[in-house]
Amino acid sequence: MRALYVGPAVLMLCLMRLAPLDLYSGTNRQLVAGKLRLVVAKAGEDSRIADALPWRLVWSDEFNAPDGSTPDPKTWTYDIGGNGWGNHELESYTSRPENARIVGGNLVITARQEQHTGADGITQPYTSARLKTQGLFATAYGRFEARIKIPRGQGIWPAFWMMGDDISRVDWPDCGEIDIMENIGREPDTVYGSLHAPSFVAPTSDASKGTPLPNGQNYADDFHIYAAEWEPGAVRFYVDSNNYATFTESELPRGGRWVFDHPFFIILNVAVGGDWPRNPDASSQFPQQMLIDYVRVYRK
């Protein structure tokens, strides 16, 4: 804990350069105008404004379009279909507003229990959406964050993640994957941050760590800020202000090849079923929704 005096010049710099800013949750977050937020330090408060000053917002979607709008096509595109996505998933991804639209200042991704045949001719018992910035925005290094309220239930698999933009040329896992937030419904108190890379001795080289909430709390009960800070040779994972995992190039499993040195694009999705979460059961309830307040990218 430390007291921090913010003089007029520093405060003016914050106003000029960092809005919208919501780097850290807690009592030092205030609503300024609409969804623009400013961190204001108070005496005795554990403010991290000094640490936040170097970050410069370079890209964001605040999802402030009118209710019922579909995601901005200049910012987001979709993965479509129900081919299992390499994990034996049970959803057919669509671009329908029933599965992805703006409501109340949030992007709402809705997983529904309904038989659907996609454009790929594959029929699945669930629908959902998988949005991505591929071909529209990609970058290397920075702070990537989103304020999200995740869905819940057995077989539900929400994720905020990134994929190397060279995937169409080198395929996965050579392109690299950074999972900023994943949750599987059967573990409601834990989210995971992970890296997936190629390996010379195994199908993939993986580094992953989960962070549980205390006292029986569930992540689906409230919004949280999920973030990754990526720099050459290292990726740090955060939930709110908690840096719960850091993976460096030297910490990849033996035979792993570090490929986190080129632009990545952003992905938001809610999967249903699959090898890791396993399939929905009688306790699962639909529809399930993931609410995304914003997605922001900062650079130093």
Protein backbone atom coordinates (compact mmCIF):
# COMPACT_ATOMS: atom_id res chain seq x y z
CA MET A 1 0.00 0.00 0.00
CA ARG A 2 1.25 3.49 -0.78
CA ALA A 3 -0.08 7.03 -0.89
CA LEU A 4 0.37 8.77 -4.21
CA TYR A 5 -0.03 12.49 -4.88
CA VAL A 6 -1.19 13.27 -8.40
CA GLY A 7 -0.29 16.86 -9.25
CA PRO A 8 -2.16 18.95 -11.84
CA ALA A 9 0.35 18.29 -14.60
CA VAL A 10 0.21 14.51 -14.14
CA LEU A 11 -3.58 14.51 -13.97
CA MET A 12 -3.78 16.56 -17.17
CA LEU A 13 -1.48 14.05 -18.87
CA CYS A 14 -3.82 11.25 -17.83
CA LEU A 15 -6.83 13.08 -19.23
CA MET A 16 -5.11 13.87 -22.51
CA ARG A 17 -3.47 10.55 -23.24
CA LEU A 18 -5.17 7.68 -21.48
CA ALA A 19 -8.94 8.03 -21.71
CA PRO A 20 -10.67 5.63 -21.94
CA LEU A 21 -8.77 3.95 -19.12
CA ASP A 22 -9.84 1.05 -16.95
CA LEU A 23 -6.60 -0.76 -16.32
CA TYR A 24 -7.37 -1.82 -12.79
CA SER A 25 -10.58 -2.63 -10.94
CA GLY A 26 -11.55 -1.46 -7.47
CA THR A 27 -12.49 1.73 -5.71
CA ASN A 28 -10.14 3.83 -7.82
CA ARG A 29 -12.28 3.33 -10.95
CA GLN A 30 -14.83 6.05 -11.69
CA LEU A 31 -17.38 6.60 -14.45
CA VAL A 32 -16.45 9.82 -16.22
CA ALA A 33 -18.67 10.01 -19.28
CA GLY A 34 -20.58 7.12 -20.73
CA LYS A 35 -18.12 4.26 -20.51
CA LEU A 36 -14.93 6.34 -20.39
CA ARG A 37 -13.15 5.73 -17.12
CA LEU A 38 -10.29 7.44 -15.32
CA VAL A 39 -8.14 6.14 -12.49
CA VAL A 40 -7.92 8.81 -9.77
CA ALA A 41 -5.48 8.32 -6.93
CA LYS A 42 -6.46 9.06 -3.34
CA ALA A 43 -4.27 9.28 -0.28
CA GLY A 44 -3.76 5.83 1.24
CA GLU A 45 -5.17 4.03 -1.79
CA ASP A 46 -3.27 1.26 -3.58
CA SER A 47 -3.40 3.17 -6.85
CA ARG A 48 -1.30 2.02 -9.78
CA ILE A 49 -1.65 5.19 -11.83
CA ALA A 50 2.13 5.67 -11.91
CA ASP A 51 2.51 2.23 -13.46
CA ALA A 52 -0.36 2.91 -15.87
CA LEU A 53 1.06 6.14 -17.30
CA PRO A 54 3.32 4.52 -19.94
CA TRP A 55 0.41 2.62 -21.56
CA ARG A 56 -1.12 4.29 -24.61
CA LEU A 57 -4.48 3.15 -25.98
CA VAL A 58 -4.06 2.12 -29.64
CA TRP A 59 -7.24 0.14 -30.39
CA SER A 60 -10.58 -0.51 -28.69
CA ASP A 61 -14.21 -1.42 -29.09
CA GLU A 62 -16.47 -0.02 -26.35
CA PHE A 63 -19.65 -1.64 -27.79
CA ASN A 64 -21.65 1.59 -27.43
CA ALA A 65 -23.83 1.05 -30.51
CA PRO A 66 -27.64 1.07 -30.12
CA ASP A 67 -29.29 -2.00 -28.63
CA GLY A 68 -29.83 -4.74 -31.18
CA SER A 69 -26.92 -3.65 -33.37
CA THR A 70 -24.60 -6.28 -34.71
CA PRO A 71 -20.85 -5.96 -34.05
CA ASP A 72 -19.05 -3.35 -36.15
CA PRO A 73 -18.01 -5.07 -39.41
CA LYS A 74 -15.02 -2.71 -39.67
CA THR A 75 -13.74 -4.22 -36.41
CA TRP A 76 -15.02 -7.81 -36.25
CA THR A 77 -15.56 -10.73 -38.57
CA TYR A 78 -16.74 -14.27 -37.78
CA ASP A 79 -15.73 -17.88 -37.85
CA ILE A 80 -18.70 -19.81 -39.24
CA GLY A 81 -19.68 -23.46 -39.05
CA GLY A 82 -19.84 -26.56 -36.91
CA ASN A 83 -16.80 -28.66 -37.78
CA GLY A 84 -15.84 -29.22 -34.13
CA TRP A 85 -12.94 -26.74 -34.36
CA GLY A 86 -10.33 -29.38 -33.52
CA ASN A 87 -11.87 -30.04 -30.10
CA HIS A 88 -15.04 -32.04 -30.93
CA GLU A 89 -17.18 -29.04 -29.98
CA LEU A 90 -20.96 -29.22 -30.43
CA GLU A 91 -21.85 -25.69 -31.54
CA SER A 92 -22.41 -24.25 -34.98
CA TYR A 93 -20.96 -20.76 -35.07
CA THR A 94 -23.12 -18.17 -36.84
CA SER A 95 -23.12 -14.45 -37.61
CA ARG A 96 -26.79 -14.10 -36.62
CA PRO A 97 -27.85 -11.37 -34.17
CA GLU A 98 -29.44 -14.15 -32.12
CA ASN A 99 -25.87 -15.23 -31.29
CA ALA A 100 -23.98 -11.89 -31.27
CA ARG A 101 -25.39 -8.39 -30.80
CA ILE A 102 -25.01 -5.22 -28.73
CA VAL A 103 -27.25 -4.86 -25.67
CA GLY A 104 -26.90 -2.27 -22.91
CA GLY A 105 -23.40 -1.22 -23.91
CA ASN A 106 -22.11 -4.81 -24.02
CA LEU A 107 -21.35 -7.25 -26.78
CA VAL A 108 -23.52 -10.25 -25.92
CA ILE A 109 -22.47 -13.65 -27.28
CA THR A 110 -25.31 -16.13 -26.75
CA ALA A 111 -25.03 -19.91 -26.86
CA ARG A 112 -28.39 -21.49 -27.66
CA GLN A 113 -29.69 -25.06 -27.62
CA GLU A 114 -31.13 -25.40 -31.12
CA GLN A 115 -30.44 -27.66 -34.05
CA HIS A 116 -28.73 -25.68 -36.77
CA THR A 117 -27.15 -26.54 -40.10
CA GLY A 118 -24.48 -24.06 -41.08
CA ALA A 119 -23.18 -23.00 -44.47
CA ASP A 120 -20.65 -25.83 -44.16
CA GLY A 121 -23.55 -28.35 -44.25
CA ILE A 122 -22.81 -29.63 -40.73
CA THR A 123 -25.69 -29.89 -38.27
CA GLN A 124 -25.07 -29.33 -34.57
CA PRO A 125 -27.44 -29.19 -31.53
CA TYR A 126 -26.20 -25.75 -30.35
CA THR A 127 -25.44 -22.36 -31.87
CA SER A 128 -23.06 -19.65 -30.70
CA ALA A 129 -20.70 -17.00 -32.10
CA ARG A 130 -16.95 -16.68 -32.54
CA LEU A 131 -15.82 -13.17 -33.39
CA LYS A 132 -12.32 -12.23 -34.51
CA THR A 133 -10.30 -9.29 -35.78
CA GLN A 134 -8.45 -11.39 -38.36
CA GLY A 135 -7.72 -9.29 -41.46
CA LEU A 136 -8.89 -6.15 -39.66
CA PHE A 137 -6.55 -5.71 -36.70
CA ALA A 138 -3.46 -7.54 -35.52
CA THR A 139 -0.44 -6.41 -33.56
CA ALA A 140 2.55 -7.69 -31.63
CA TYR A 141 3.21 -6.76 -27.99
CA GLY A 142 1.22 -4.59 -25.62
CA ARG A 143 -1.53 -4.97 -23.04
CA PHE A 144 -4.65 -6.75 -24.29
CA GLU A 145 -7.63 -6.53 -21.95
CA ALA A 146 -11.37 -7.02 -21.82
CA ARG A 147 -13.99 -6.55 -19.11
CA ILE A 148 -16.18 -9.65 -19.28
CA LYS A 149 -18.94 -11.44 -17.42
CA ILE A 150 -18.67 -15.08 -18.41
CA PRO A 151 -21.52 -17.61 -18.77
CA ARG A 152 -21.90 -20.71 -16.59
CA GLY A 153 -22.80 -24.37 -16.70
CA GLN A 154 -21.44 -27.79 -17.55
CA GLY A 155 -20.10 -27.88 -21.10
CA ILE A 156 -19.84 -24.10 -21.49
CA TRP A 157 -16.42 -22.85 -22.64
CA PRO A 158 -16.01 -19.05 -22.92
CA ALA A 159 -12.72 -17.60 -24.14
CA PHE A 160 -10.88 -14.35 -24.87
CA TRP A 161 -7.76 -15.22 -26.83
CA MET A 162 -5.41 -14.46 -29.70
CA MET A 163 -3.99 -16.32 -32.67
CA GLY A 164 -0.95 -15.58 -34.82
CA ASP A 165 -1.98 -13.77 -37.98
CA ASP A 166 0.20 -16.09 -40.08
CA ILE A 167 -2.15 -19.04 -39.39
CA SER A 168 -3.26 -19.26 -43.02
CA ARG A 169 0.37 -19.71 -44.05
CA VAL A 170 1.89 -21.87 -41.28
CA ASP A 171 -1.23 -23.39 -39.62
CA TRP A 172 -1.67 -24.14 -35.90
CA PRO A 173 0.26 -24.47 -33.59
CA ASP A 174 3.12 -22.91 -35.56
CA CYS A 175 1.25 -19.60 -35.62
CA GLY A 176 1.07 -19.53 -31.81
CA GLU A 177 -1.91 -19.05 -29.50
CA ILE A 178 -2.30 -16.80 -26.43
CA ASP A 179 -5.33 -17.65 -24.29
CA ILE A 180 -5.95 -14.57 -22.13
CA MET A 181 -9.01 -16.09 -20.46
CA GLU A 182 -10.62 -19.51 -20.66
CA ASN A 183 -13.13 -21.09 -18.31
CA ILE A 184 -14.78 -24.49 -18.39
CA GLY A 185 -18.17 -24.63 -16.74
CA ARG A 186 -17.38 -27.56 -14.47
CA GLU A 187 -14.74 -25.33 -12.79
CA PRO A 188 -16.77 -22.18 -12.08
CA ASP A 189 -14.21 -20.70 -9.68
CA THR A 190 -11.18 -20.90 -12.01
CA VAL A 191 -10.02 -19.20 -15.19
CA TYR A 192 -6.87 -20.08 -17.14
CA GLY A 193 -4.17 -18.21 -19.04
CA SER A 194 -2.15 -20.25 -21.52
CA LEU A 195 0.37 -20.28 -24.33
CA HIS A 196 0.32 -22.87 -27.11
CA ALA A 197 3.33 -23.20 -29.39
CA PRO A 198 4.92 -25.78 -31.70
CA SER A 199 7.31 -28.40 -30.39
CA PHE A 200 10.12 -30.46 -31.85
CA VAL A 201 9.29 -33.43 -29.57
CA ALA A 202 5.50 -33.29 -29.07
CA PRO A 203 2.35 -32.19 -30.93
CA THR A 204 2.36 -28.86 -29.03
CA SER A 205 4.34 -27.00 -26.39
CA ASP A 206 1.96 -25.68 -23.75
CA ALA A 207 2.24 -23.44 -20.70
CA SER A 208 -0.92 -22.91 -18.66
CA LYS A 209 -2.01 -21.79 -15.20
CA GLY A 210 -5.37 -21.28 -13.52
CA THR A 211 -6.35 -18.81 -10.83
CA PRO A 212 -9.20 -19.70 -8.44
CA LEU A 213 -11.48 -17.26 -6.67
CA PRO A 214 -11.61 -17.57 -2.86
CA ASN A 215 -14.50 -18.58 -0.65
CA GLY A 216 -16.56 -20.43 -3.22
CA GLN A 217 -17.03 -17.44 -5.52
CA ASN A 218 -17.78 -18.00 -9.21
CA TYR A 219 -16.40 -15.93 -12.08
CA ALA A 220 -19.84 -15.93 -13.74
CA ASP A 221 -21.28 -13.91 -10.85
CA ASP A 222 -19.71 -10.61 -11.92
CA PHE A 223 -17.59 -8.75 -14.45
CA HIS A 224 -13.82 -9.11 -14.23
CA ILE A 225 -10.96 -7.56 -16.19
CA TYR A 226 -8.93 -10.20 -18.02
CA ALA A 227 -5.61 -9.10 -19.50
CA ALA A 228 -2.29 -10.20 -20.92
CA GLU A 229 0.81 -8.02 -21.06
CA TRP A 230 3.01 -9.30 -23.86
CA GLU A 231 6.58 -8.24 -24.48
CA PRO A 232 9.50 -9.87 -26.29
CA GLY A 233 10.24 -13.13 -24.52
CA ALA A 234 7.45 -12.98 -21.92
CA VAL A 235 3.66 -12.92 -21.45
CA ARG A 236 2.01 -11.95 -18.12
CA PHE A 237 -1.59 -12.87 -17.32
CA TYR A 238 -3.95 -10.89 -15.09
CA VAL A 239 -7.38 -11.11 -13.55
CA ASP A 240 -8.28 -7.62 -12.35
CA SER A 241 -5.01 -6.43 -10.74
CA ASN A 242 -3.71 -9.94 -9.95
CA ASN A 243 -0.72 -11.01 -12.05
CA TYR A 244 -1.31 -14.73 -11.49
CA ALA A 245 0.99 -16.15 -14.17
CA THR A 246 4.06 -15.16 -16.18
CA PHE A 247 5.54 -17.36 -18.90
CA THR A 248 8.92 -16.64 -20.47
CA GLU A 249 10.69 -18.10 -23.47
CA SER A 250 12.98 -20.13 -21.23
CA GLU A 251 10.00 -21.70 -19.43
CA LEU A 252 8.46 -23.45 -22.42
CA PRO A 253 8.55 -27.23 -22.07
CA ARG A 254 11.57 -29.00 -23.52
CA GLY A 255 11.46 -28.97 -27.30
CA GLY A 256 9.09 -26.01 -27.46
CA ARG A 257 9.66 -23.21 -29.96
CA TRP A 258 8.82 -19.63 -28.97
CA VAL A 259 6.73 -18.10 -31.76
CA PHE A 260 5.32 -15.09 -29.89
CA ASP A 261 7.22 -12.51 -31.91
CA HIS A 262 4.80 -11.41 -34.63
CA PRO A 263 1.28 -9.90 -34.88
CA PHE A 264 -1.70 -11.73 -33.39
CA PHE A 265 -5.42 -11.08 -33.87
CA ILE A 266 -8.14 -11.17 -31.17
CA ILE A 267 -10.91 -13.77 -30.75
CA LEU A 268 -14.01 -13.84 -28.51
CA ASN A 269 -16.22 -16.94 -28.39
CA VAL A 270 -18.43 -19.23 -26.35
CA ALA A 271 -17.95 -22.88 -27.26
CA VAL A 272 -20.29 -25.69 -26.19
CA GLY A 273 -18.88 -29.11 -25.37
CA GLY A 274 -15.54 -30.46 -26.46
CA ASP A 275 -12.63 -32.50 -25.23
CA TRP A 276 -11.67 -30.23 -22.33
CA PRO A 277 -14.98 -29.00 -20.87
CA ARG A 278 -16.88 -32.16 -21.82
CA ASN A 279 -20.45 -31.98 -23.05
CA PRO A 280 -23.51 -30.34 -21.48
CA ASP A 281 -25.60 -32.52 -19.19
CA ALA A 282 -29.00 -32.36 -17.49
CA SER A 283 -27.78 -29.56 -15.21
CA SER A 284 -26.84 -27.27 -18.12
CA GLN A 285 -29.23 -24.41 -18.82
CA PHE A 286 -29.63 -22.48 -22.07
CA PRO A 287 -29.34 -19.87 -23.39
CA GLN A 288 -26.02 -18.84 -21.86
CA GLN A 289 -24.50 -15.41 -22.47
CA MET A 290 -21.05 -13.87 -22.30
CA LEU A 291 -21.15 -10.09 -21.81
CA ILE A 292 -18.17 -8.06 -23.01
CA ASP A 293 -18.09 -4.44 -21.81
CA TYR A 294 -15.04 -3.52 -23.87
CA VAL A 295 -11.89 -4.81 -25.53
CA ARG A 296 -8.80 -2.58 -25.45
CA VAL A 297 -5.22 -2.77 -26.65
CA TYR A 298 -2.47 -0.59 -25.18
CA ARG A 299 1.13 -0.07 -26.23
CA LYS A 300 4.07 1.57 -24.49
